[in-house]
Amino acid sequence: METYIVSFEINKPYEEWLIHFEQSRPSLDAADIAVVFRGPRKDDASKVCVILQAQDGQVDKFMGANAAMIAESGHVLESTVVNVYKS
């Protein structure tokens, strides 16, 4: 099992990004990716953190296969910082 801490910038209002993110939940569930947390930075809603848990490589595979959908949500792909922790 891996825990992913993903931080990134968004170029849409957080509430709009959140609608897109919630619409992707069935796809995340189908990929056996659990959402532990998602939220904006306290002092800057254009910076977001998402914490996910999944089997080795599942999040990387999902993000690669869904890059266009992720970018459409307002997620600035070039700003993404991912830290992965093993359990």
PDB file of N, CA and C in Angstrom:
ATOM      1  N   MET A   1       0.845  -1.181   0.000  1.00  0.00           N
ATOM      2  CA  MET A   1       0.000   0.000   0.000  1.00  0.00           C
ATOM      3  C   MET A   1       0.890   1.244   0.000  1.00  0.00           C
ATOM      4  N   GLU A   2       0.482   2.241  -0.764  1.00  0.00           N
ATOM      5  CA  GLU A   2       1.192   3.513  -0.818  1.00  0.00           C
ATOM      6  C   GLU A   2       0.257   4.654  -0.433  1.00  0.00           C
ATOM      7  N   THR A   3       0.820   5.665   0.212  1.00  0.00           N
ATOM      8  CA  THR A   3       0.086   6.891   0.508  1.00  0.00           C
ATOM      9  C   THR A   3       0.729   8.006  -0.284  1.00  0.00           C
ATOM     10  N   TYR A   4      -0.097   8.691  -1.069  1.00  0.00           N
ATOM     11  CA  TYR A   4       0.355   9.782  -1.930  1.00  0.00           C
ATOM     12  C   TYR A   4      -0.098  11.107  -1.336  1.00  0.00           C
ATOM     13  N   ILE A   5       0.838  12.010  -1.136  1.00  0.00           N
ATOM     14  CA  ILE A   5       0.507  13.383  -0.763  1.00  0.00           C
ATOM     15  C   ILE A   5       0.809  14.220  -2.003  1.00  0.00           C
ATOM     16  N   VAL A   6      -0.264  14.723  -2.611  1.00  0.00           N
ATOM     17  CA  VAL A   6      -0.164  15.428  -3.889  1.00  0.00           C
ATOM     18  C   VAL A   6      -0.539  16.886  -3.659  1.00  0.00           C
ATOM     19  N   SER A   7       0.365  17.790  -3.964  1.00  0.00           N
ATOM     20  CA  SER A   7       0.053  19.216  -3.853  1.00  0.00           C
ATOM     21  C   SER A   7       0.230  19.848  -5.228  1.00  0.00           C
ATOM     22  N   PHE A   8      -0.606  20.847  -5.490  1.00  0.00           N
ATOM     23  CA  PHE A   8      -0.603  21.467  -6.812  1.00  0.00           C
ATOM     24  C   PHE A   8      -1.359  22.787  -6.762  1.00  0.00           C
ATOM     25  N   GLU A   9      -1.212  23.561  -7.836  1.00  0.00           N
ATOM     26  CA  GLU A   9      -1.952  24.810  -7.989  1.00  0.00           C
ATOM     27  C   GLU A   9      -3.146  24.562  -8.901  1.00  0.00           C
ATOM     28  N   ILE A  10      -4.185  25.376  -8.722  1.00  0.00           N
ATOM     29  CA  ILE A  10      -5.341  25.326  -9.614  1.00  0.00           C
ATOM     30  C   ILE A  10      -5.541  26.702 -10.232  1.00  0.00           C
ATOM     31  N   ASN A  11      -6.096  26.703 -11.457  1.00  0.00           N
ATOM     32  CA  ASN A  11      -6.326  27.974 -12.151  1.00  0.00           C
ATOM     33  C   ASN A  11      -7.817  28.285 -12.283  1.00  0.00           C
ATOM     34  N   LYS A  12      -8.622  27.622 -11.483  1.00  0.00           N
ATOM     35  CA  LYS A  12     -10.064  27.884 -11.381  1.00  0.00           C
ATOM     36  C   LYS A  12     -10.375  28.053  -9.905  1.00  0.00           C
ATOM     37  N   PRO A  13     -11.523  28.600  -9.558  1.00  0.00           N
ATOM     38  CA  PRO A  13     -11.880  28.680  -8.135  1.00  0.00           C
ATOM     39  C   PRO A  13     -11.926  27.282  -7.521  1.00  0.00           C
ATOM     40  N   TYR A  14     -11.541  27.191  -6.242  1.00  0.00           N
ATOM     41  CA  TYR A  14     -11.502  25.899  -5.560  1.00  0.00           C
ATOM     42  C   TYR A  14     -12.834  25.176  -5.666  1.00  0.00           C
ATOM     43  N   GLU A  15     -13.941  25.879  -5.497  1.00  0.00           N
ATOM     44  CA  GLU A  15     -15.258  25.243  -5.537  1.00  0.00           C
ATOM     45  C   GLU A  15     -15.514  24.578  -6.891  1.00  0.00           C
ATOM     46  N   GLU A  16     -15.042  25.203  -7.967  1.00  0.00           N
ATOM     47  CA  GLU A  16     -15.197  24.618  -9.304  1.00  0.00           C
ATOM     48  C   GLU A  16     -14.304  23.390  -9.453  1.00  0.00           C
ATOM     49  N   TRP A  17     -13.051  23.487  -8.977  1.00  0.00           N
ATOM     50  CA  TRP A  17     -12.166  22.333  -9.009  1.00  0.00           C
ATOM     51  C   TRP A  17     -12.779  21.170  -8.226  1.00  0.00           C
ATOM     52  N   LEU A  18     -13.355  21.477  -7.065  1.00  0.00           N
ATOM     53  CA  LEU A  18     -13.929  20.440  -6.209  1.00  0.00           C
ATOM     54  C   LEU A  18     -15.070  19.700  -6.897  1.00  0.00           C
ATOM     55  N   ILE A  19     -15.893  20.404  -7.651  1.00  0.00           N
ATOM     56  CA  ILE A  19     -16.975  19.751  -8.406  1.00  0.00           C
ATOM     57  C   ILE A  19     -16.384  18.721  -9.367  1.00  0.00           C
ATOM     58  N   HIS A  20     -15.353  19.116 -10.105  1.00  0.00           N
ATOM     59  CA  HIS A  20     -14.700  18.186 -11.032  1.00  0.00           C
ATOM     60  C   HIS A  20     -14.105  16.999 -10.277  1.00  0.00           C
ATOM     61  N   PHE A  21     -13.446  17.292  -9.156  1.00  0.00           N
ATOM     62  CA  PHE A  21     -12.812  16.216  -8.384  1.00  0.00           C
ATOM     63  C   PHE A  21     -13.858  15.219  -7.899  1.00  0.00           C
ATOM     64  N   GLU A  22     -14.954  15.716  -7.366  1.00  0.00           N
ATOM     65  CA  GLU A  22     -16.004  14.825  -6.857  1.00  0.00           C
ATOM     66  C   GLU A  22     -16.628  14.004  -7.984  1.00  0.00           C
ATOM     67  N   GLN A  23     -16.708  14.574  -9.186  1.00  0.00           N
ATOM     68  CA  GLN A  23     -17.233  13.828 -10.326  1.00  0.00           C
ATOM     69  C   GLN A  23     -16.289  12.696 -10.747  1.00  0.00           C
ATOM     70  N   SER A  24     -15.012  12.806 -10.367  1.00  0.00           N
ATOM     71  CA  SER A  24     -14.046  11.757 -10.705  1.00  0.00           C
ATOM     72  C   SER A  24     -14.017  10.642  -9.665  1.00  0.00           C
ATOM     73  N   ARG A  25     -14.745  10.798  -8.566  1.00  0.00           N
ATOM     74  CA  ARG A  25     -14.686   9.798  -7.491  1.00  0.00           C
ATOM     75  C   ARG A  25     -15.051   8.388  -7.952  1.00  0.00           C
ATOM     76  N   PRO A  26     -16.087   8.187  -8.796  1.00  0.00           N
ATOM     77  CA  PRO A  26     -16.364   6.814  -9.248  1.00  0.00           C
ATOM     78  C   PRO A  26     -15.174   6.185  -9.983  1.00  0.00           C
ATOM     79  N   SER A  27     -14.449   6.975 -10.755  1.00  0.00           N
ATOM     80  CA  SER A  27     -13.266   6.460 -11.458  1.00  0.00           C
ATOM     81  C   SER A  27     -12.152   6.112 -10.475  1.00  0.00           C
ATOM     82  N   LEU A  28     -11.988   6.936  -9.452  1.00  0.00           N
ATOM     83  CA  LEU A  28     -10.998   6.644  -8.415  1.00  0.00           C
ATOM     84  C   LEU A  28     -11.376   5.363  -7.675  1.00  0.00           C
ATOM     85  N   ASP A  29     -12.644   5.247  -7.328  1.00  0.00           N
ATOM     86  CA  ASP A  29     -13.116   4.038  -6.643  1.00  0.00           C
ATOM     87  C   ASP A  29     -12.884   2.801  -7.500  1.00  0.00           C
ATOM     88  N   ALA A  30     -13.182   2.911  -8.791  1.00  0.00           N
ATOM     89  CA  ALA A  30     -13.003   1.774  -9.704  1.00  0.00           C
ATOM     90  C   ALA A  30     -11.539   1.357  -9.798  1.00  0.00           C
ATOM     91  N   ALA A  31     -10.630   2.305  -9.599  1.00  0.00           N
ATOM     92  CA  ALA A  31      -9.195   2.020  -9.629  1.00  0.00           C
ATOM     93  C   ALA A  31      -8.657   1.631  -8.251  1.00  0.00           C
ATOM     94  N   ASP A  32      -9.565   1.465  -7.279  1.00  0.00           N
ATOM     95  CA  ASP A  32      -9.185   1.129  -5.894  1.00  0.00           C
ATOM     96  C   ASP A  32      -8.242   2.161  -5.283  1.00  0.00           C
ATOM     97  N   ILE A  33      -8.565   3.438  -5.537  1.00  0.00           N
ATOM     98  CA  ILE A  33      -7.811   4.550  -4.959  1.00  0.00           C
ATOM     99  C   ILE A  33      -8.711   5.223  -3.933  1.00  0.00           C
ATOM    100  N   ALA A  34      -8.261   5.227  -2.683  1.00  0.00           N
ATOM    101  CA  ALA A  34      -9.038   5.830  -1.595  1.00  0.00           C
ATOM    102  C   ALA A  34      -8.608   7.279  -1.399  1.00  0.00           C
ATOM    103  N   VAL A  35      -9.596   8.167  -1.292  1.00  0.00           N
ATOM    104  CA  VAL A  35      -9.325   9.571  -1.012  1.00  0.00           C
ATOM    105  C   VAL A  35      -9.360   9.747   0.503  1.00  0.00           C
ATOM    106  N   VAL A  36      -8.231  10.126   1.077  1.00  0.00           N
ATOM    107  CA  VAL A  36      -8.126  10.333   2.515  1.00  0.00           C
ATOM    108  C   VAL A  36      -8.451  11.782   2.870  1.00  0.00           C
ATOM    109  N   PHE A  37      -8.011  12.700   2.008  1.00  0.00           N
ATOM    110  CA  PHE A  37      -8.184  14.137   2.271  1.00  0.00           C
ATOM    111  C   PHE A  37      -8.081  14.886   0.964  1.00  0.00           C
ATOM    112  N   ARG A  38      -8.812  15.992   0.861  1.00  0.00           N
ATOM    113  CA  ARG A  38      -8.620  16.963  -0.205  1.00  0.00           C
ATOM    114  C   ARG A  38      -9.063  18.305   0.329  1.00  0.00           C
ATOM    115  N   GLY A  39      -8.242  19.323   0.078  1.00  0.00           N
ATOM    116  CA  GLY A  39      -8.601  20.646   0.563  1.00  0.00           C
ATOM    117  C   GLY A  39      -7.620  21.707   0.131  1.00  0.00           C
ATOM    118  N   PRO A  40      -8.059  22.971   0.219  1.00  0.00           N
ATOM    119  CA  PRO A  40      -7.183  24.085  -0.157  1.00  0.00           C
ATOM    120  C   PRO A  40      -6.267  24.461   0.995  1.00  0.00           C
ATOM    121  N   ARG A  41      -5.166  25.118   0.642  1.00  0.00           N
ATOM    122  CA  ARG A  41      -4.287  25.652   1.674  1.00  0.00           C
ATOM    123  C   ARG A  41      -5.040  26.736   2.429  1.00  0.00           C
ATOM    124  N   LYS A  42      -4.832  26.813   3.706  1.00  0.00           N
ATOM    125  CA  LYS A  42      -5.565  27.735   4.581  1.00  0.00           C
ATOM    126  C   LYS A  42      -5.488  29.182   4.105  1.00  0.00           C
ATOM    127  N   ASP A  43      -4.323  29.610   3.655  1.00  0.00           N
ATOM    128  CA  ASP A  43      -4.129  31.017   3.298  1.00  0.00           C
ATOM    129  C   ASP A  43      -4.109  31.281   1.791  1.00  0.00           C
ATOM    130  N   ASP A  44      -4.362  30.238   0.977  1.00  0.00           N
ATOM    131  CA  ASP A  44      -4.316  30.422  -0.468  1.00  0.00           C
ATOM    132  C   ASP A  44      -5.097  29.297  -1.145  1.00  0.00           C
ATOM    133  N   ALA A  45      -6.334  29.559  -1.519  1.00  0.00           N
ATOM    134  CA  ALA A  45      -7.207  28.532  -2.092  1.00  0.00           C
ATOM    135  C   ALA A  45      -6.788  28.107  -3.496  1.00  0.00           C
ATOM    136  N   SER A  46      -5.762  28.745  -4.067  1.00  0.00           N
ATOM    137  CA  SER A  46      -5.280  28.307  -5.381  1.00  0.00           C
ATOM    138  C   SER A  46      -4.244  27.193  -5.245  1.00  0.00           C
ATOM    139  N   LYS A  47      -3.932  26.811  -4.013  1.00  0.00           N
ATOM    140  CA  LYS A  47      -3.009  25.707  -3.752  1.00  0.00           C
ATOM    141  C   LYS A  47      -3.794  24.612  -3.022  1.00  0.00           C
ATOM    142  N   VAL A  48      -3.715  23.389  -3.544  1.00  0.00           N
ATOM    143  CA  VAL A  48      -4.544  22.288  -3.069  1.00  0.00           C
ATOM    144  C   VAL A  48      -3.668  21.110  -2.673  1.00  0.00           C
ATOM    145  N   CYS A  49      -4.141  20.352  -1.696  1.00  0.00           N
ATOM    146  CA  CYS A  49      -3.490  19.111  -1.288  1.00  0.00           C
ATOM    147  C   CYS A  49      -4.523  17.991  -1.351  1.00  0.00           C
ATOM    148  N   VAL A  50      -4.113  16.858  -1.929  1.00  0.00           N
ATOM    149  CA  VAL A  50      -4.947  15.664  -1.971  1.00  0.00           C
ATOM    150  C   VAL A  50      -4.104  14.521  -1.422  1.00  0.00           C
ATOM    151  N   ILE A  51      -4.669  13.743  -0.509  1.00  0.00           N
ATOM    152  CA  ILE A  51      -3.987  12.574   0.031  1.00  0.00           C
ATOM    153  C   ILE A  51      -4.772  11.340  -0.402  1.00  0.00           C
ATOM    154  N   LEU A  52      -4.061  10.424  -1.052  1.00  0.00           N
ATOM    155  CA  LEU A  52      -4.671   9.217  -1.613  1.00  0.00           C
ATOM    156  C   LEU A  52      -3.943   7.987  -1.102  1.00  0.00           C
ATOM    157  N   GLN A  53      -4.655   6.863  -1.035  1.00  0.00           N
ATOM    158  CA  GLN A  53      -4.024   5.584  -0.709  1.00  0.00           C
ATOM    159  C   GLN A  53      -4.430   4.559  -1.751  1.00  0.00           C
ATOM    160  N   ALA A  54      -3.445   3.751  -2.180  1.00  0.00           N
ATOM    161  CA  ALA A  54      -3.701   2.746  -3.204  1.00  0.00           C
ATOM    162  C   ALA A  54      -2.562   1.740  -3.219  1.00  0.00           C
ATOM    163  N   GLN A  55      -2.763   0.683  -3.973  1.00  0.00           N
ATOM    164  CA  GLN A  55      -1.701  -0.294  -4.183  1.00  0.00           C
ATOM    165  C   GLN A  55      -0.594   0.342  -5.024  1.00  0.00           C
ATOM    166  N   ASP A  56       0.585  -0.228  -4.933  1.00  0.00           N
ATOM    167  CA  ASP A  56       1.754   0.293  -5.636  1.00  0.00           C
ATOM    168  C   ASP A  56       1.451   0.600  -7.104  1.00  0.00           C
ATOM    169  N   GLY A  57       1.729   1.827  -7.523  1.00  0.00           N
ATOM    170  CA  GLY A  57       1.616   2.223  -8.912  1.00  0.00           C
ATOM    171  C   GLY A  57       0.236   2.620  -9.405  1.00  0.00           C
ATOM    172  N   GLN A  58      -0.815   2.372  -8.626  1.00  0.00           N
ATOM    173  CA  GLN A  58      -2.178   2.649  -9.090  1.00  0.00           C
ATOM    174  C   GLN A  58      -2.432   4.145  -9.327  1.00  0.00           C
ATOM    175  N   VAL A  59      -1.935   4.995  -8.443  1.00  0.00           N
ATOM    176  CA  VAL A  59      -2.175   6.438  -8.593  1.00  0.00           C
ATOM    177  C   VAL A  59      -1.425   6.965  -9.811  1.00  0.00           C
ATOM    178  N   ASP A  60      -0.186   6.528 -10.004  1.00  0.00           N
ATOM    179  CA  ASP A  60       0.584   6.956 -11.179  1.00  0.00           C
ATOM    180  C   ASP A  60      -0.138   6.554 -12.460  1.00  0.00           C
ATOM    181  N   LYS A  61      -0.633   5.328 -12.494  1.00  0.00           N
ATOM    182  CA  LYS A  61      -1.342   4.832 -13.671  1.00  0.00           C
ATOM    183  C   LYS A  61      -2.613   5.655 -13.916  1.00  0.00           C
ATOM    184  N   PHE A  62      -3.365   5.942 -12.849  1.00  0.00           N
ATOM    185  CA  PHE A  62      -4.596   6.717 -12.976  1.00  0.00           C
ATOM    186  C   PHE A  62      -4.306   8.128 -13.485  1.00  0.00           C
ATOM    187  N   MET A  63      -3.310   8.772 -12.896  1.00  0.00           N
ATOM    188  CA  MET A  63      -2.996  10.150 -13.295  1.00  0.00           C
ATOM    189  C   MET A  63      -2.514  10.215 -14.741  1.00  0.00           C
ATOM    190  N   GLY A  64      -1.740   9.241 -15.169  1.00  0.00           N
ATOM    191  CA  GLY A  64      -1.278   9.213 -16.550  1.00  0.00           C
ATOM    192  C   GLY A  64      -2.417   9.016 -17.539  1.00  0.00           C
ATOM    193  N   ALA A  65      -3.329   8.115 -17.202  1.00  0.00           N
ATOM    194  CA  ALA A  65      -4.443   7.799 -18.105  1.00  0.00           C
ATOM    195  C   ALA A  65      -5.496   8.900 -18.141  1.00  0.00           C
ATOM    196  N   ASN A  66      -5.525   9.747 -17.113  1.00  0.00           N
ATOM    197  CA  ASN A  66      -6.579  10.761 -16.995  1.00  0.00           C
ATOM    198  C   ASN A  66      -6.038  12.182 -16.965  1.00  0.00           C
ATOM    199  N   ALA A  67      -4.865  12.403 -17.542  1.00  0.00           N
ATOM    200  CA  ALA A  67      -4.224  13.721 -17.493  1.00  0.00           C
ATOM    201  C   ALA A  67      -5.105  14.822 -18.079  1.00  0.00           C
ATOM    202  N   ALA A  68      -5.781  14.551 -19.182  1.00  0.00           N
ATOM    203  CA  ALA A  68      -6.628  15.577 -19.806  1.00  0.00           C
ATOM    204  C   ALA A  68      -7.781  15.961 -18.894  1.00  0.00           C
ATOM    205  N   MET A  69      -8.432  14.979 -18.284  1.00  0.00           N
ATOM    206  CA  MET A  69      -9.540  15.251 -17.365  1.00  0.00           C
ATOM    207  C   MET A  69      -9.047  16.011 -16.130  1.00  0.00           C
ATOM    208  N   ILE A  70      -7.882  15.637 -15.643  1.00  0.00           N
ATOM    209  CA  ILE A  70      -7.314  16.305 -14.471  1.00  0.00           C
ATOM    210  C   ILE A  70      -7.015  17.763 -14.799  1.00  0.00           C
ATOM    211  N   ALA A  71      -6.422  18.016 -15.958  1.00  0.00           N
ATOM    212  CA  ALA A  71      -6.116  19.390 -16.365  1.00  0.00           C
ATOM    213  C   ALA A  71      -7.385  20.204 -16.572  1.00  0.00           C
ATOM    214  N   GLU A  72      -8.423  19.584 -17.120  1.00  0.00           N
ATOM    215  CA  GLU A  72      -9.693  20.278 -17.345  1.00  0.00           C
ATOM    216  C   GLU A  72     -10.317  20.775 -16.035  1.00  0.00           C
ATOM    217  N   SER A  73     -10.016  20.103 -14.938  1.00  0.00           N
ATOM    218  CA  SER A  73     -10.567  20.494 -13.635  1.00  0.00           C
ATOM    219  C   SER A  73      -9.998  21.817 -13.136  1.00  0.00           C
ATOM    220  N   GLY A  74      -8.882  22.245 -13.742  1.00  0.00           N
ATOM    221  CA  GLY A  74      -8.198  23.450 -13.275  1.00  0.00           C
ATOM    222  C   GLY A  74      -6.866  23.129 -12.620  1.00  0.00           C
ATOM    223  N   HIS A  75      -6.563  21.854 -12.462  1.00  0.00           N
ATOM    224  CA  HIS A  75      -5.298  21.397 -11.891  1.00  0.00           C
ATOM    225  C   HIS A  75      -4.169  21.777 -12.853  1.00  0.00           C
ATOM    226  N   VAL A  76      -3.230  22.571 -12.400  1.00  0.00           N
ATOM    227  CA  VAL A  76      -2.074  22.960 -13.213  1.00  0.00           C
ATOM    228  C   VAL A  76      -1.061  21.826 -13.106  1.00  0.00           C
ATOM    229  N   LEU A  77      -1.017  20.981 -14.136  1.00  0.00           N
ATOM    230  CA  LEU A  77      -0.216  19.760 -14.067  1.00  0.00           C
ATOM    231  C   LEU A  77       1.260  20.024 -13.771  1.00  0.00           C
ATOM    232  N   GLU A  78       1.824  21.088 -14.349  1.00  0.00           N
ATOM    233  CA  GLU A  78       3.249  21.382 -14.144  1.00  0.00           C
ATOM    234  C   GLU A  78       3.582  21.747 -12.706  1.00  0.00           C
ATOM    235  N   SER A  79       2.588  22.114 -11.924  1.00  0.00           N
ATOM    236  CA  SER A  79       2.831  22.519 -10.543  1.00  0.00           C
ATOM    237  C   SER A  79       2.779  21.347  -9.560  1.00  0.00           C
ATOM    238  N   THR A  80       2.460  20.159 -10.044  1.00  0.00           N
ATOM    239  CA  THR A  80       2.225  19.013  -9.175  1.00  0.00           C
ATOM    240  C   THR A  80       3.503  18.522  -8.492  1.00  0.00           C
ATOM    241  N   VAL A  81       3.385  18.370  -7.170  1.00  0.00           N
ATOM    242  CA  VAL A  81       4.462  17.776  -6.368  1.00  0.00           C
ATOM    243  C   VAL A  81       3.863  16.567  -5.675  1.00  0.00           C
ATOM    244  N   VAL A  82       4.486  15.402  -5.874  1.00  0.00           N
ATOM    245  CA  VAL A  82       3.973  14.163  -5.317  1.00  0.00           C
ATOM    246  C   VAL A  82       5.018  13.562  -4.380  1.00  0.00           C
ATOM    247  N   ASN A  83       4.589  13.237  -3.162  1.00  0.00           N
ATOM    248  CA  ASN A  83       5.420  12.510  -2.219  1.00  0.00           C
ATOM    249  C   ASN A  83       4.700  11.204  -1.934  1.00  0.00           C
ATOM    250  N   VAL A  84       5.442  10.091  -2.046  1.00  0.00           N
ATOM    251  CA  VAL A  84       4.852   8.771  -1.868  1.00  0.00           C
ATOM    252  C   VAL A  84       5.488   8.112  -0.650  1.00  0.00           C
ATOM    253  N   TYR A  85       4.621   7.554   0.193  1.00  0.00           N
ATOM    254  CA  TYR A  85       5.050   6.872   1.405  1.00  0.00           C
ATOM    255  C   TYR A  85       4.540   5.443   1.376  1.00  0.00           C
ATOM    256  N   LYS A  86       5.371   4.500   1.772  1.00  0.00           N
ATOM    257  CA  LYS A  86       5.019   3.079   1.802  1.00  0.00           C
ATOM    258  C   LYS A  86       4.538   2.728   3.204  1.00  0.00           C
ATOM    259  N   SER A  87       3.570   1.815   3.236  1.00  0.00           N
ATOM    260  CA  SER A  87       3.138   1.350   4.558  1.00  0.00           C
ATOM    261  C   SER A  87       3.447  -0.116   4.713  1.00  0.00           C
TER     262      SER A  87
END
